[in-house]
Amino acid sequence: MQMLSLENELKENAYPGRGIVIGKTPNGKYAVTAYFIMGRSENSRNRVFVEDGEGIRTQAFDPSKLVDPSLIIYAPVRVLGNRTIVTNGDQTDTVYELMDKGQTFEQSLRTREFEPDGPNYTPRISGVMQVENGSYNYAMSILKSNNGNPDACNRYTFTYENPVNGEGHFIHTYMHDGNPLPSFEGEPKLVSIKDDMNEFTDMLWNSLNKDNKVSLFVRYIDIETGKYETKIINKNK
């Protein structure tokens, strides 16, 4: 698989929607994840990321303008022991609760499907990272309608064992802007990761479309110790 420029992938796509990146730094020291949200409507753009325990949640920037919270207010990131869960919806809670009961990442997502927001039927994208005693692996998932047919749900899970230094994978909800919005196709894109967290964060934020970007979360986890550092950028301040 060809390694793509994450910077170009973002700069050349005005509306990838919501996106998850998971990978490993070139120096092999850090497990990395990033999650961003974008918005076309006033309701979608009226959001910020705030820290919530070891994870984050979305929150209305101006509560008086919040119209329908059902698909835009959720916890994108939660931590369950040595596992970090990142998703684009309230399936974060589903994965957290069912994995806590002993089910696998894939099993927990069998209870969910794409979002009920026809005609887009936005895919549910999810990731889980496991960092323990110097070892690291991760998995990503997408639940999507069958070419816009809401009667059929296609489920894909991708597992990455012993991730290669400097490599990451990027999955997002939409191929590009449109009406209806076309769902992501194929497996997660192979992209490069940077050693420097500030540099990686700045690259992501500056590459997202300035009109549509809303919020960005980045976390670097030390694979040896499990300690992490988090950065959040919100367009609304």
Protein backbone atom coordinates (compact mmCIF):
# COMPACT_ATOMS: atom_id res chain seq x y z
CA MET A 1 0.00 0.00 0.00
CA GLN A 2 1.30 3.44 -0.92
CA MET A 3 1.98 5.80 1.98
CA LEU A 4 -0.02 8.98 1.51
CA SER A 5 0.67 12.49 2.74
CA LEU A 6 -1.83 13.14 5.51
CA GLU A 7 -1.30 16.86 4.97
CA ASN A 8 -2.29 16.55 1.29
CA GLU A 9 -5.20 14.24 2.05
CA LEU A 10 -6.68 16.94 4.28
CA LYS A 11 -5.78 19.99 2.21
CA GLU A 12 -7.25 18.46 -0.95
CA ASN A 13 -10.56 17.49 0.68
CA ALA A 14 -12.85 20.33 1.79
CA TYR A 15 -15.10 17.98 3.74
CA PRO A 16 -13.80 14.60 4.96
CA GLY A 17 -16.29 15.00 7.84
CA ARG A 18 -14.97 13.39 11.02
CA GLY A 19 -11.64 11.60 11.01
CA ILE A 20 -9.53 9.26 13.14
CA VAL A 21 -5.78 8.78 12.83
CA ILE A 22 -3.95 6.07 14.79
CA GLY A 23 -0.28 5.14 14.48
CA LYS A 24 3.21 5.14 15.95
CA THR A 25 5.97 7.74 15.96
CA PRO A 26 9.11 7.17 13.82
CA ASN A 27 11.24 6.85 16.96
CA GLY A 28 8.99 4.03 18.18
CA LYS A 29 8.34 5.71 21.51
CA TYR A 30 4.74 6.89 21.21
CA ALA A 31 1.36 5.50 20.27
CA VAL A 32 -0.50 8.31 18.55
CA THR A 33 -4.13 9.12 17.90
CA ALA A 34 -5.95 12.14 16.54
CA TYR A 35 -9.63 12.86 16.09
CA PHE A 36 -11.20 15.83 14.34
CA ILE A 37 -14.71 17.04 13.67
CA MET A 38 -15.98 19.32 10.92
CA GLY A 39 -19.37 20.89 10.28
CA ARG A 40 -21.44 22.42 7.49
CA SER A 41 -24.49 23.42 9.54
CA GLU A 42 -24.62 26.00 12.33
CA ASN A 43 -25.57 23.23 14.76
CA SER A 44 -22.55 21.10 13.83
CA ARG A 45 -20.18 24.06 13.98
CA ASN A 46 -21.46 25.13 17.40
CA ARG A 47 -19.20 22.71 19.29
CA VAL A 48 -15.98 22.43 21.25
CA PHE A 49 -13.96 19.57 22.70
CA VAL A 50 -13.53 19.57 26.48
CA GLU A 51 -11.59 17.17 28.67
CA ASP A 52 -13.69 14.65 30.58
CA GLY A 53 -11.66 12.48 32.94
CA GLU A 54 -9.07 10.65 30.83
CA GLY A 55 -11.15 11.24 27.71
CA ILE A 56 -12.99 14.10 26.03
CA ARG A 57 -16.54 15.04 25.13
CA THR A 58 -18.18 17.45 22.75
CA GLN A 59 -20.05 20.41 24.18
CA ALA A 60 -22.16 23.18 22.68
CA PHE A 61 -20.11 26.37 22.40
CA ASP A 62 -23.28 28.46 22.62
CA PRO A 63 -25.97 26.38 24.40
CA SER A 64 -28.70 28.79 23.25
CA LYS A 65 -28.04 27.78 19.63
CA LEU A 66 -28.08 24.01 20.20
CA VAL A 67 -30.89 22.49 18.12
CA ASP A 68 -30.57 18.69 18.12
CA PRO A 69 -27.88 17.17 20.35
CA SER A 70 -28.55 13.53 19.38
CA LEU A 71 -25.71 13.04 16.89
CA ILE A 72 -23.35 15.87 17.79
CA ILE A 73 -22.98 15.69 21.60
CA TYR A 74 -21.06 12.59 22.71
CA ALA A 75 -17.77 11.37 24.20
CA PRO A 76 -15.33 10.75 21.31
CA VAL A 77 -12.57 9.43 23.60
CA ARG A 78 -12.72 7.20 26.67
CA VAL A 79 -10.04 5.15 28.43
CA LEU A 80 -10.66 1.62 29.72
CA GLY A 81 -7.59 0.42 31.60
CA ASN A 82 -4.78 0.20 29.03
CA ARG A 83 -7.16 0.73 26.10
CA THR A 84 -8.00 4.07 24.52
CA ILE A 85 -11.26 4.16 22.55
CA VAL A 86 -11.82 6.81 19.87
CA THR A 87 -15.02 7.08 17.82
CA ASN A 88 -17.20 9.58 15.99
CA GLY A 89 -20.34 9.03 18.07
CA ASP A 90 -21.96 7.58 21.15
CA GLN A 91 -20.69 4.13 20.15
CA THR A 92 -17.68 5.12 22.29
CA ASP A 93 -19.86 4.29 25.28
CA THR A 94 -21.04 1.03 23.68
CA VAL A 95 -17.46 -0.12 23.07
CA TYR A 96 -16.40 0.96 26.56
CA GLU A 97 -19.27 -0.80 28.33
CA LEU A 98 -19.19 -4.05 26.35
CA MET A 99 -15.40 -4.41 26.33
CA ASP A 100 -15.56 -3.86 30.09
CA LYS A 101 -17.86 -6.91 30.17
CA GLY A 102 -15.37 -9.02 28.21
CA GLN A 103 -16.55 -8.58 24.65
CA THR A 104 -14.14 -7.73 21.85
CA PHE A 105 -14.01 -4.45 19.95
CA GLU A 106 -15.66 -6.09 16.95
CA GLN A 107 -18.33 -7.83 19.03
CA SER A 108 -19.29 -4.61 20.78
CA LEU A 109 -19.81 -2.82 17.47
CA ARG A 110 -22.09 -5.60 16.23
CA THR A 111 -24.76 -3.97 18.37
CA ARG A 112 -24.54 -0.71 16.39
CA GLU A 113 -24.82 0.48 12.79
CA PHE A 114 -24.41 3.68 10.76
CA GLU A 115 -26.08 6.90 11.91
CA PRO A 116 -29.82 7.38 11.16
CA ASP A 117 -29.29 10.65 9.32
CA GLY A 118 -30.63 9.82 5.83
CA PRO A 119 -29.88 10.46 3.06
CA ASN A 120 -26.24 10.63 4.25
CA TYR A 121 -26.36 7.63 6.62
CA THR A 122 -23.06 8.77 8.10
CA PRO A 123 -20.70 5.86 8.82
CA ARG A 124 -19.70 5.13 12.38
CA ILE A 125 -15.90 5.06 12.52
CA SER A 126 -14.12 3.72 15.59
CA GLY A 127 -10.67 2.84 16.86
CA VAL A 128 -9.14 1.19 19.90
CA MET A 129 -5.50 1.31 21.00
CA GLN A 130 -3.98 -1.08 23.52
CA VAL A 131 -0.73 -0.08 25.20
CA GLU A 132 0.62 -2.45 27.84
CA ASN A 133 4.12 -3.11 29.22
CA GLY A 134 5.90 -1.79 26.15
CA SER A 135 3.63 -3.50 23.60
CA TYR A 136 1.18 -1.72 21.34
CA ASN A 137 -1.51 -2.68 18.85
CA TYR A 138 -4.64 -1.09 17.50
CA ALA A 139 -7.78 -1.74 15.48
CA MET A 140 -10.14 0.43 13.42
CA SER A 141 -13.71 -0.11 12.27
CA ILE A 142 -16.29 1.38 9.94
CA LEU A 143 -20.01 0.62 9.92
CA LYS A 144 -21.65 1.96 6.75
CA SER A 145 -24.79 1.63 4.69
CA ASN A 146 -24.63 -0.50 1.57
CA ASN A 147 -24.13 2.25 -1.04
CA GLY A 148 -26.75 4.43 0.64
CA ASN A 149 -29.23 1.60 1.22
CA PRO A 150 -30.30 1.89 4.87
CA ASP A 151 -31.64 -1.67 4.92
CA ALA A 152 -28.13 -3.15 4.77
CA CYS A 153 -25.18 -2.44 7.07
CA ASN A 154 -21.65 -3.29 5.94
CA ARG A 155 -19.16 -3.87 8.76
CA TYR A 156 -15.38 -3.72 8.39
CA THR A 157 -12.71 -4.17 11.08
CA PHE A 158 -8.98 -3.67 10.51
CA THR A 159 -6.45 -4.89 13.07
CA TYR A 160 -2.84 -3.70 13.24
CA GLU A 161 -0.47 -5.80 15.34
CA ASN A 162 3.08 -4.63 16.05
CA PRO A 163 2.62 -1.28 14.26
CA VAL A 164 5.62 -0.14 12.22
CA ASN A 165 7.50 2.93 13.43
CA GLY A 166 6.41 6.08 11.61
CA GLU A 167 3.27 4.53 10.13
CA GLY A 168 -0.35 5.32 10.88
CA HIS A 169 -3.80 4.80 9.43
CA PHE A 170 -6.45 7.39 8.64
CA ILE A 171 -10.18 6.79 8.28
CA HIS A 172 -12.86 9.43 7.81
CA THR A 173 -16.61 9.52 7.34
CA TYR A 174 -16.99 11.02 3.85
CA MET A 175 -15.05 10.65 0.61
CA HIS A 176 -15.63 14.37 -0.08
CA ASP A 177 -18.32 17.04 0.05
CA GLY A 178 -21.63 16.37 -1.69
CA ASN A 179 -25.39 15.97 -1.36
CA PRO A 180 -25.86 13.34 -0.15
CA LEU A 181 -22.41 12.97 1.38
CA PRO A 182 -20.61 9.90 -0.08
CA SER A 183 -19.40 7.44 2.57
CA PHE A 184 -15.72 6.57 2.96
CA GLU A 185 -14.62 3.66 0.78
CA GLY A 186 -11.84 1.10 1.15
CA GLU A 187 -9.49 0.34 4.02
CA PRO A 188 -7.91 3.01 6.24
CA LYS A 189 -5.28 5.06 4.41
CA LEU A 190 -1.62 4.50 5.20
CA VAL A 191 -0.11 7.80 6.37
CA SER A 192 3.04 8.99 8.12
CA ILE A 193 3.24 10.11 11.76
CA LYS A 194 5.60 12.70 13.26
CA ASP A 195 7.80 12.39 16.36
CA ASP A 196 7.00 15.92 17.49
CA MET A 197 3.49 16.25 18.91
CA ASN A 198 3.27 20.01 18.41
CA GLU A 199 4.38 19.72 14.81
CA PHE A 200 1.87 16.92 14.11
CA THR A 201 -0.97 18.85 15.77
CA ASP A 202 -0.20 22.04 13.88
CA MET A 203 -0.01 20.17 10.58
CA LEU A 204 -3.40 18.57 11.12
CA TRP A 205 -5.16 21.76 12.20
CA ASN A 206 -3.64 23.92 9.47
CA SER A 207 -4.50 21.34 6.79
CA LEU A 208 -8.22 21.11 7.64
CA ASN A 209 -10.56 23.35 5.62
CA LYS A 210 -10.72 26.67 7.46
CA ASP A 211 -14.48 27.12 6.98
CA ASN A 212 -15.53 23.59 7.95
CA LYS A 213 -13.10 22.60 10.71
CA VAL A 214 -14.47 22.67 14.27
CA SER A 215 -12.23 20.83 16.76
CA LEU A 216 -9.13 18.64 16.95
CA PHE A 217 -7.86 16.21 19.61
CA VAL A 218 -4.35 14.70 19.59
CA ARG A 219 -2.84 12.28 22.10
CA TYR A 220 0.67 10.81 22.35
CA ILE A 221 0.96 7.80 24.70
CA ASP A 222 4.38 6.64 25.93
CA ILE A 223 4.43 2.95 25.02
CA GLU A 224 6.79 2.04 27.88
CA THR A 225 5.02 3.88 30.69
CA GLY A 226 1.45 4.44 29.45
CA LYS A 227 1.68 8.12 30.36
CA TYR A 228 0.13 10.44 27.81
CA GLU A 229 -0.02 14.04 26.68
CA THR A 230 -3.11 15.58 25.09
CA LYS A 231 -3.69 18.62 22.91
CA ILE A 232 -7.08 20.09 22.02
CA ILE A 233 -7.73 22.87 19.51
CA ASN A 234 -11.19 24.44 19.14
CA LYS A 235 -12.14 26.91 16.43
CA ASN A 236 -14.68 28.39 18.82
CA LYS A 237 -12.90 30.12 21.68
